[in-house]
């Protein structure tokens, strides 16, 4: 929504360095209808990121550029190597 986000179509992780405006970012819904899996998703993300980011990762082959969709993922197959 261009009323809430500057240049909303551009991938910009820096926009989350400050908390977003209220009700402008709802990855798990809001109010009475929040996602039942929200807490599990946060737990899994914490575990996966701590495992993956525990060392340096580098792309062995593939395209690491982000592809937005229902979720954010790499543009194509991506193989990573942990150093």
PDB file of N, CA and C in Angstrom:
ATOM      1  N   UNK A   1       0.845  -1.179   0.000  1.00  0.00           N
ATOM      2  CA  UNK A   1       0.000   0.000   0.000  1.00  0.00           C
ATOM      3  C   UNK A   1       0.892   1.244   0.000  1.00  0.00           C
ATOM      4  N   UNK A   2       0.867   2.028  -1.056  1.00  0.00           N
ATOM      5  CA  UNK A   2       1.720   3.207  -1.116  1.00  0.00           C
ATOM      6  C   UNK A   2       1.382   4.252  -0.060  1.00  0.00           C
ATOM      7  N   UNK A   3       0.189   4.187   0.523  1.00  0.00           N
ATOM      8  CA  UNK A   3      -0.132   5.127   1.603  1.00  0.00           C
ATOM      9  C   UNK A   3       0.620   4.794   2.888  1.00  0.00           C
ATOM     10  N   UNK A   4       1.041   3.526   3.033  1.00  0.00           N
ATOM     11  CA  UNK A   4       1.724   3.098   4.253  1.00  0.00           C
ATOM     12  C   UNK A   4       3.224   2.915   4.075  1.00  0.00           C
ATOM     13  N   UNK A   5       3.656   2.558   2.859  1.00  0.00           N
ATOM     14  CA  UNK A   5       5.058   2.219   2.619  1.00  0.00           C
ATOM     15  C   UNK A   5       5.623   3.053   1.486  1.00  0.00           C
ATOM     16  N   UNK A   6       6.838   3.558   1.676  1.00  0.00           N
ATOM     17  CA  UNK A   6       7.542   4.264   0.605  1.00  0.00           C
ATOM     18  C   UNK A   6       8.049   3.227  -0.392  1.00  0.00           C
ATOM     19  N   UNK A   7       7.718   3.388  -1.657  1.00  0.00           N
ATOM     20  CA  UNK A   7       8.132   2.480  -2.731  1.00  0.00           C
ATOM     21  C   UNK A   7       7.817   1.020  -2.355  1.00  0.00           C
ATOM     22  N   UNK A   8       6.532   0.670  -2.221  1.00  0.00           N
ATOM     23  CA  UNK A   8       6.140  -0.646  -1.703  1.00  0.00           C
ATOM     24  C   UNK A   8       6.544  -1.835  -2.569  1.00  0.00           C
ATOM     25  N   UNK A   9       6.793  -1.646  -3.851  1.00  0.00           N
ATOM     26  CA  UNK A   9       7.146  -2.754  -4.737  1.00  0.00           C
ATOM     27  C   UNK A   9       8.631  -3.121  -4.675  1.00  0.00           C
ATOM     28  N   UNK A  10       9.451  -2.316  -4.003  1.00  0.00           N
ATOM     29  CA  UNK A  10      10.897  -2.555  -3.945  1.00  0.00           C
ATOM     30  C   UNK A  10      11.225  -3.393  -2.706  1.00  0.00           C
ATOM     31  N   UNK A  11      12.113  -4.379  -2.888  1.00  0.00           N
ATOM     32  CA  UNK A  11      12.584  -5.181  -1.762  1.00  0.00           C
ATOM     33  C   UNK A  11      13.536  -4.319  -0.945  1.00  0.00           C
ATOM     34  N   UNK A  12      13.162  -4.017   0.298  1.00  0.00           N
ATOM     35  CA  UNK A  12      13.952  -3.133   1.142  1.00  0.00           C
ATOM     36  C   UNK A  12      13.876  -3.596   2.594  1.00  0.00           C
ATOM     37  N   UNK A  13      14.755  -4.516   3.016  1.00  0.00           N
ATOM     38  CA  UNK A  13      14.718  -4.975   4.407  1.00  0.00           C
ATOM     39  C   UNK A  13      14.971  -3.859   5.416  1.00  0.00           C
ATOM     40  N   UNK A  14      15.629  -2.775   4.995  1.00  0.00           N
ATOM     41  CA  UNK A  14      15.924  -1.671   5.915  1.00  0.00           C
ATOM     42  C   UNK A  14      14.657  -0.978   6.400  1.00  0.00           C
ATOM     43  N   UNK A  15      13.550  -1.162   5.691  1.00  0.00           N
ATOM     44  CA  UNK A  15      12.317  -0.506   6.138  1.00  0.00           C
ATOM     45  C   UNK A  15      11.836  -1.058   7.487  1.00  0.00           C
ATOM     46  N   UNK A  16      12.362  -2.216   7.897  1.00  0.00           N
ATOM     47  CA  UNK A  16      11.954  -2.796   9.176  1.00  0.00           C
ATOM     48  C   UNK A  16      12.950  -2.514  10.287  1.00  0.00           C
ATOM     49  N   UNK A  17      13.891  -1.590  10.064  1.00  0.00           N
ATOM     50  CA  UNK A  17      14.820  -1.213  11.132  1.00  0.00           C
ATOM     51  C   UNK A  17      14.086  -0.475  12.243  1.00  0.00           C
ATOM     52  N   UNK A  18      13.002   0.190  11.891  1.00  0.00           N
ATOM     53  CA  UNK A  18      12.131   0.834  12.880  1.00  0.00           C
ATOM     54  C   UNK A  18      10.797   0.097  12.869  1.00  0.00           C
ATOM     55  N   UNK A  19      10.083   0.077  13.975  1.00  0.00           N
ATOM     56  CA  UNK A  19       8.777  -0.597  13.976  1.00  0.00           C
ATOM     57  C   UNK A  19       7.842   0.041  12.950  1.00  0.00           C
ATOM     58  N   UNK A  20       7.099  -0.781  12.208  1.00  0.00           N
ATOM     59  CA  UNK A  20       6.159  -0.224  11.221  1.00  0.00           C
ATOM     60  C   UNK A  20       4.969   0.431  11.918  1.00  0.00           C
ATOM     61  N   UNK A  21       4.258   1.248  11.175  1.00  0.00           N
ATOM     62  CA  UNK A  21       3.044   1.878  11.715  1.00  0.00           C
ATOM     63  C   UNK A  21       2.046   0.795  12.105  1.00  0.00           C
ATOM     64  N   UNK A  22       1.220   1.107  13.080  1.00  0.00           N
ATOM     65  CA  UNK A  22       0.230   0.140  13.559  1.00  0.00           C
ATOM     66  C   UNK A  22      -0.646  -0.367  12.416  1.00  0.00           C
ATOM     67  N   UNK A  23      -0.858  -1.664  12.368  1.00  0.00           N
ATOM     68  CA  UNK A  23      -1.712  -2.347  11.397  1.00  0.00           C
ATOM     69  C   UNK A  23      -1.225  -2.207   9.952  1.00  0.00           C
ATOM     70  N   UNK A  24       0.058  -1.879   9.738  1.00  0.00           N
ATOM     71  CA  UNK A  24       0.560  -1.762   8.371  1.00  0.00           C
ATOM     72  C   UNK A  24       1.283  -3.023   7.909  1.00  0.00           C
ATOM     73  N   UNK A  25       1.688  -3.870   8.829  1.00  0.00           N
ATOM     74  CA  UNK A  25       2.371  -5.121   8.476  1.00  0.00           C
ATOM     75  C   UNK A  25       1.797  -6.227   9.334  1.00  0.00           C
ATOM     76  N   UNK A  26       1.042  -7.133   8.721  1.00  0.00           N
ATOM     77  CA  UNK A  26       0.348  -8.183   9.458  1.00  0.00           C
ATOM     78  C   UNK A  26       0.660  -9.550   8.855  1.00  0.00           C
ATOM     79  N   UNK A  27       1.870 -10.075   9.064  1.00  0.00           N
ATOM     80  CA  UNK A  27       2.201 -11.359   8.449  1.00  0.00           C
ATOM     81  C   UNK A  27       1.353 -12.516   8.959  1.00  0.00           C
ATOM     82  N   UNK A  28       0.779 -12.395  10.150  1.00  0.00           N
ATOM     83  CA  UNK A  28      -0.042 -13.469  10.709  1.00  0.00           C
ATOM     84  C   UNK A  28      -1.470 -13.006  10.995  1.00  0.00           C
ATOM     85  N   UNK A  29      -1.919 -11.969  10.318  1.00  0.00           N
ATOM     86  CA  UNK A  29      -3.256 -11.447  10.570  1.00  0.00           C
ATOM     87  C   UNK A  29      -3.260 -10.575  11.807  1.00  0.00           C
ATOM     88  N   UNK A  30      -4.409 -10.172  12.229  1.00  0.00           N
ATOM     89  CA  UNK A  30      -4.494  -9.314  13.403  1.00  0.00           C
ATOM     90  C   UNK A  30      -5.854  -9.401  14.053  1.00  0.00           C
ATOM     91  N   UNK A  31      -5.932  -8.848  15.232  1.00  0.00           N
ATOM     92  CA  UNK A  31      -7.202  -8.826  15.950  1.00  0.00           C
ATOM     93  C   UNK A  31      -7.619 -10.216  16.387  1.00  0.00           C
ATOM     94  N   UNK A  32      -8.903 -10.508  16.258  1.00  0.00           N
ATOM     95  CA  UNK A  32      -9.460 -11.782  16.723  1.00  0.00           C
ATOM     96  C   UNK A  32      -9.066 -12.959  15.835  1.00  0.00           C
ATOM     97  N   UNK A  33      -8.623 -12.689  14.622  1.00  0.00           N
ATOM     98  CA  UNK A  33      -8.354 -13.774  13.665  1.00  0.00           C
ATOM     99  C   UNK A  33      -6.866 -13.929  13.360  1.00  0.00           C
ATOM    100  N   UNK A  34      -6.050 -13.946  14.395  1.00  0.00           N
ATOM    101  CA  UNK A  34      -4.626 -14.169  14.160  1.00  0.00           C
ATOM    102  C   UNK A  34      -4.392 -15.633  13.806  1.00  0.00           C
ATOM    103  N   UNK A  35      -3.312 -15.872  13.115  1.00  0.00           N
ATOM    104  CA  UNK A  35      -2.978 -17.218  12.657  1.00  0.00           C
ATOM    105  C   UNK A  35      -2.696 -18.132  13.849  1.00  0.00           C
ATOM    106  N   UNK A  36      -3.277 -19.325  13.840  1.00  0.00           N
ATOM    107  CA  UNK A  36      -3.050 -20.278  14.931  1.00  0.00           C
ATOM    108  C   UNK A  36      -1.601 -20.759  14.967  1.00  0.00           C
ATOM    109  N   UNK A  37      -0.924 -20.731  13.825  1.00  0.00           N
ATOM    110  CA  UNK A  37       0.443 -21.223  13.760  1.00  0.00           C
ATOM    111  C   UNK A  37       1.508 -20.167  14.005  1.00  0.00           C
ATOM    112  N   UNK A  38       1.108 -18.963  14.428  1.00  0.00           N
ATOM    113  CA  UNK A  38       2.062 -17.870  14.604  1.00  0.00           C
ATOM    114  C   UNK A  38       3.188 -18.224  15.574  1.00  0.00           C
ATOM    115  N   UNK A  39       2.873 -18.773  16.708  1.00  0.00           N
ATOM    116  CA  UNK A  39       3.901 -19.074  17.712  1.00  0.00           C
ATOM    117  C   UNK A  39       4.821 -20.194  17.228  1.00  0.00           C
ATOM    118  N   UNK A  40       4.261 -21.192  16.571  1.00  0.00           N
ATOM    119  CA  UNK A  40       5.084 -22.265  16.012  1.00  0.00           C
ATOM    120  C   UNK A  40       5.998 -21.718  14.917  1.00  0.00           C
ATOM    121  N   UNK A  41       5.473 -20.853  14.066  1.00  0.00           N
ATOM    122  CA  UNK A  41       6.287 -20.256  13.005  1.00  0.00           C
ATOM    123  C   UNK A  41       7.448 -19.459  13.586  1.00  0.00           C
ATOM    124  N   UNK A  42       7.194 -18.680  14.624  1.00  0.00           N
ATOM    125  CA  UNK A  42       8.267 -17.913  15.266  1.00  0.00           C
ATOM    126  C   UNK A  42       9.311 -18.847  15.877  1.00  0.00           C
ATOM    127  N   UNK A  43       8.885 -19.910  16.505  1.00  0.00           N
ATOM    128  CA  UNK A  43       9.809 -20.870  17.090  1.00  0.00           C
ATOM    129  C   UNK A  43      10.662 -21.519  16.004  1.00  0.00           C
ATOM    130  N   UNK A  44      10.033 -21.955  14.919  1.00  0.00           N
ATOM    131  CA  UNK A  44      10.776 -22.588  13.831  1.00  0.00           C
ATOM    132  C   UNK A  44      11.741 -21.606  13.167  1.00  0.00           C
ATOM    133  N   UNK A  45      11.301 -20.373  12.974  1.00  0.00           N
ATOM    134  CA  UNK A  45      12.187 -19.371  12.388  1.00  0.00           C
ATOM    135  C   UNK A  45      13.390 -19.104  13.285  1.00  0.00           C
ATOM    136  N   UNK A  46      13.171 -18.984  14.583  1.00  0.00           N
ATOM    137  CA  UNK A  46      14.288 -18.774  15.518  1.00  0.00           C
ATOM    138  C   UNK A  46      15.287 -19.918  15.440  1.00  0.00           C
ATOM    139  N   UNK A  47      14.784 -21.149  15.429  1.00  0.00           N
ATOM    140  CA  UNK A  47      15.671 -22.315  15.370  1.00  0.00           C
ATOM    141  C   UNK A  47      16.424 -22.389  14.044  1.00  0.00           C
ATOM    142  N   UNK A  48      15.701 -22.192  12.949  1.00  0.00           N
ATOM    143  CA  UNK A  48      16.332 -22.276  11.623  1.00  0.00           C
ATOM    144  C   UNK A  48      17.362 -21.175  11.433  1.00  0.00           C
ATOM    145  N   UNK A  49      17.028 -19.963  11.822  1.00  0.00           N
ATOM    146  CA  UNK A  49      17.972 -18.865  11.633  1.00  0.00           C
ATOM    147  C   UNK A  49      19.194 -18.990  12.529  1.00  0.00           C
ATOM    148  N   UNK A  50      19.008 -19.451  13.751  1.00  0.00           N
ATOM    149  CA  UNK A  50      20.177 -19.611  14.623  1.00  0.00           C
ATOM    150  C   UNK A  50      21.097 -20.708  14.090  1.00  0.00           C
ATOM    151  N   UNK A  51      20.529 -21.747  13.482  1.00  0.00           N
ATOM    152  CA  UNK A  51      21.344 -22.799  12.883  1.00  0.00           C
ATOM    153  C   UNK A  51      22.055 -22.293  11.638  1.00  0.00           C
ATOM    154  N   UNK A  52      21.314 -21.624  10.763  1.00  0.00           N
ATOM    155  CA  UNK A  52      21.885 -21.152   9.505  1.00  0.00           C
ATOM    156  C   UNK A  52      22.869 -20.005   9.698  1.00  0.00           C
ATOM    157  N   UNK A  53      22.562 -19.119  10.612  1.00  0.00           N
ATOM    158  CA  UNK A  53      23.388 -17.927  10.775  1.00  0.00           C
ATOM    159  C   UNK A  53      24.465 -18.091  11.831  1.00  0.00           C
ATOM    160  N   UNK A  54      24.624 -19.301  12.334  1.00  0.00           N
ATOM    161  CA  UNK A  54      25.672 -19.553  13.307  1.00  0.00           C
ATOM    162  C   UNK A  54      27.060 -19.442  12.696  1.00  0.00           C
ATOM    163  N   UNK A  55      27.166 -19.484  11.396  1.00  0.00           N
ATOM    164  CA  UNK A  55      28.433 -19.337  10.692  1.00  0.00           C
ATOM    165  C   UNK A  55      28.206 -18.549   9.424  1.00  0.00           C
ATOM    166  N   UNK A  56      29.239 -18.379   8.661  1.00  0.00           N
ATOM    167  CA  UNK A  56      29.111 -17.657   7.397  1.00  0.00           C
ATOM    168  C   UNK A  56      28.512 -18.579   6.336  1.00  0.00           C
ATOM    169  N   UNK A  57      27.529 -18.077   5.620  1.00  0.00           N
ATOM    170  CA  UNK A  57      26.934 -18.816   4.515  1.00  0.00           C
ATOM    171  C   UNK A  57      27.374 -18.175   3.213  1.00  0.00           C
ATOM    172  N   UNK A  58      27.605 -18.997   2.229  1.00  0.00           N
ATOM    173  CA  UNK A  58      27.882 -18.458   0.895  1.00  0.00           C
ATOM    174  C   UNK A  58      27.149 -19.319  -0.112  1.00  0.00           C
ATOM    175  N   UNK A  59      26.739 -18.684  -1.197  1.00  0.00           N
ATOM    176  CA  UNK A  59      26.037 -19.401  -2.255  1.00  0.00           C
ATOM    177  C   UNK A  59      27.038 -20.230  -3.050  1.00  0.00           C
ATOM    178  N   UNK A  60      26.794 -21.533  -3.162  1.00  0.00           N
ATOM    179  CA  UNK A  60      27.634 -22.409  -3.972  1.00  0.00           C
ATOM    180  C   UNK A  60      27.225 -22.258  -5.436  1.00  0.00           C
ATOM    181  N   UNK A  61      25.928 -22.295  -5.692  1.00  0.00           N
ATOM    182  CA  UNK A  61      25.383 -22.008  -7.014  1.00  0.00           C
ATOM    183  C   UNK A  61      23.923 -21.645  -6.855  1.00  0.00           C
ATOM    184  N   UNK A  62      23.378 -20.961  -7.839  1.00  0.00           N
ATOM    185  CA  UNK A  62      21.979 -20.561  -7.807  1.00  0.00           C
ATOM    186  C   UNK A  62      21.841 -19.050  -7.833  1.00  0.00           C
ATOM    187  N   UNK A  63      20.619 -18.609  -7.797  1.00  0.00           N
ATOM    188  CA  UNK A  63      20.304 -17.186  -7.853  1.00  0.00           C
ATOM    189  C   UNK A  63      19.726 -16.743  -6.514  1.00  0.00           C
ATOM    190  N   UNK A  64      20.501 -16.009  -5.689  1.00  0.00           N
ATOM    191  CA  UNK A  64      20.009 -15.614  -4.367  1.00  0.00           C
ATOM    192  C   UNK A  64      19.095 -14.389  -4.375  1.00  0.00           C
ATOM    193  N   UNK A  65      18.843 -13.781  -5.534  1.00  0.00           N
ATOM    194  CA  UNK A  65      17.993 -12.586  -5.539  1.00  0.00           C
ATOM    195  C   UNK A  65      16.588 -12.955  -5.055  1.00  0.00           C
ATOM    196  N   UNK A  66      15.976 -12.087  -4.232  1.00  0.00           N
ATOM    197  CA  UNK A  66      14.674 -12.413  -3.641  1.00  0.00           C
ATOM    198  C   UNK A  66      13.550 -12.410  -4.667  1.00  0.00           C
ATOM    199  N   UNK A  67      12.612 -13.362  -4.490  1.00  0.00           N
ATOM    200  CA  UNK A  67      11.417 -13.456  -5.322  1.00  0.00           C
ATOM    201  C   UNK A  67      10.215 -13.375  -4.397  1.00  0.00           C
ATOM    202  N   UNK A  68       9.488 -12.253  -4.435  1.00  0.00           N
ATOM    203  CA  UNK A  68       8.312 -12.154  -3.563  1.00  0.00           C
ATOM    204  C   UNK A  68       7.173 -13.019  -4.085  1.00  0.00           C
ATOM    205  N   UNK A  69       6.447 -13.567  -3.180  1.00  0.00           N
ATOM    206  CA  UNK A  69       5.268 -14.373  -3.495  1.00  0.00           C
ATOM    207  C   UNK A  69       4.446 -14.452  -2.225  1.00  0.00           C
ATOM    208  N   UNK A  70       3.811 -15.574  -1.984  1.00  0.00           N
ATOM    209  CA  UNK A  70       3.113 -15.761  -0.713  1.00  0.00           C
ATOM    210  C   UNK A  70       4.139 -15.681   0.414  1.00  0.00           C
ATOM    211  N   UNK A  71       5.326 -16.241   0.145  1.00  0.00           N
ATOM    212  CA  UNK A  71       6.456 -16.080   1.041  1.00  0.00           C
ATOM    213  C   UNK A  71       7.619 -15.543   0.228  1.00  0.00           C
ATOM    214  N   UNK A  72       8.650 -15.079   0.888  1.00  0.00           N
ATOM    215  CA  UNK A  72       9.820 -14.550   0.202  1.00  0.00           C
ATOM    216  C   UNK A  72      10.847 -15.655   0.073  1.00  0.00           C
ATOM    217  N   UNK A  73      11.344 -15.867  -1.135  1.00  0.00           N
ATOM    218  CA  UNK A  73      12.324 -16.917  -1.351  1.00  0.00           C
ATOM    219  C   UNK A  73      13.276 -16.525  -2.460  1.00  0.00           C
ATOM    220  N   UNK A  74      14.288 -17.350  -2.704  1.00  0.00           N
ATOM    221  CA  UNK A  74      15.215 -17.039  -3.796  1.00  0.00           C
ATOM    222  C   UNK A  74      14.532 -17.195  -5.152  1.00  0.00           C
ATOM    223  N   UNK A  75      15.085 -16.520  -6.157  1.00  0.00           N
ATOM    224  CA  UNK A  75      14.488 -16.536  -7.496  1.00  0.00           C
ATOM    225  C   UNK A  75      14.523 -17.925  -8.127  1.00  0.00           C
ATOM    226  N   UNK A  76      15.464 -18.746  -7.755  1.00  0.00           N
ATOM    227  CA  UNK A  76      15.564 -20.089  -8.315  1.00  0.00           C
ATOM    228  C   UNK A  76      16.165 -21.024  -7.295  1.00  0.00           C
ATOM    229  N   UNK A  77      16.496 -22.232  -7.686  1.00  0.00           N
ATOM    230  CA  UNK A  77      17.168 -23.140  -6.751  1.00  0.00           C
ATOM    231  C   UNK A  77      18.437 -22.488  -6.217  1.00  0.00           C
ATOM    232  N   UNK A  78      18.719 -22.690  -4.966  1.00  0.00           N
ATOM    233  CA  UNK A  78      19.886 -22.079  -4.340  1.00  0.00           C
ATOM    234  C   UNK A  78      20.540 -23.087  -3.408  1.00  0.00           C
ATOM    235  N   UNK A  79      21.818 -23.347  -3.587  1.00  0.00           N
ATOM    236  CA  UNK A  79      22.571 -24.243  -2.715  1.00  0.00           C
ATOM    237  C   UNK A  79      23.539 -23.389  -1.909  1.00  0.00           C
ATOM    238  N   UNK A  80      23.492 -23.538  -0.585  1.00  0.00           N
ATOM    239  CA  UNK A  80      24.348 -22.769   0.306  1.00  0.00           C
ATOM    240  C   UNK A  80      25.372 -23.692   0.949  1.00  0.00           C
ATOM    241  N   UNK A  81      26.462 -23.088   1.345  1.00  0.00           N
ATOM    242  CA  UNK A  81      27.512 -23.822   2.048  1.00  0.00           C
ATOM    243  C   UNK A  81      27.847 -23.046   3.304  1.00  0.00           C
ATOM    244  N   UNK A  82      27.946 -23.734   4.425  1.00  0.00           N
ATOM    245  CA  UNK A  82      28.311 -23.099   5.678  1.00  0.00           C
ATOM    246  C   UNK A  82      29.804 -23.224   5.867  1.00  0.00           C
ATOM    247  N   UNK A  83      30.470 -22.115   6.139  1.00  0.00           N
ATOM    248  CA  UNK A  83      31.912 -22.133   6.342  1.00  0.00           C
ATOM    249  C   UNK A  83      32.259 -22.405   7.767  1.00  0.00           C
TER     250      UNK A  83
END
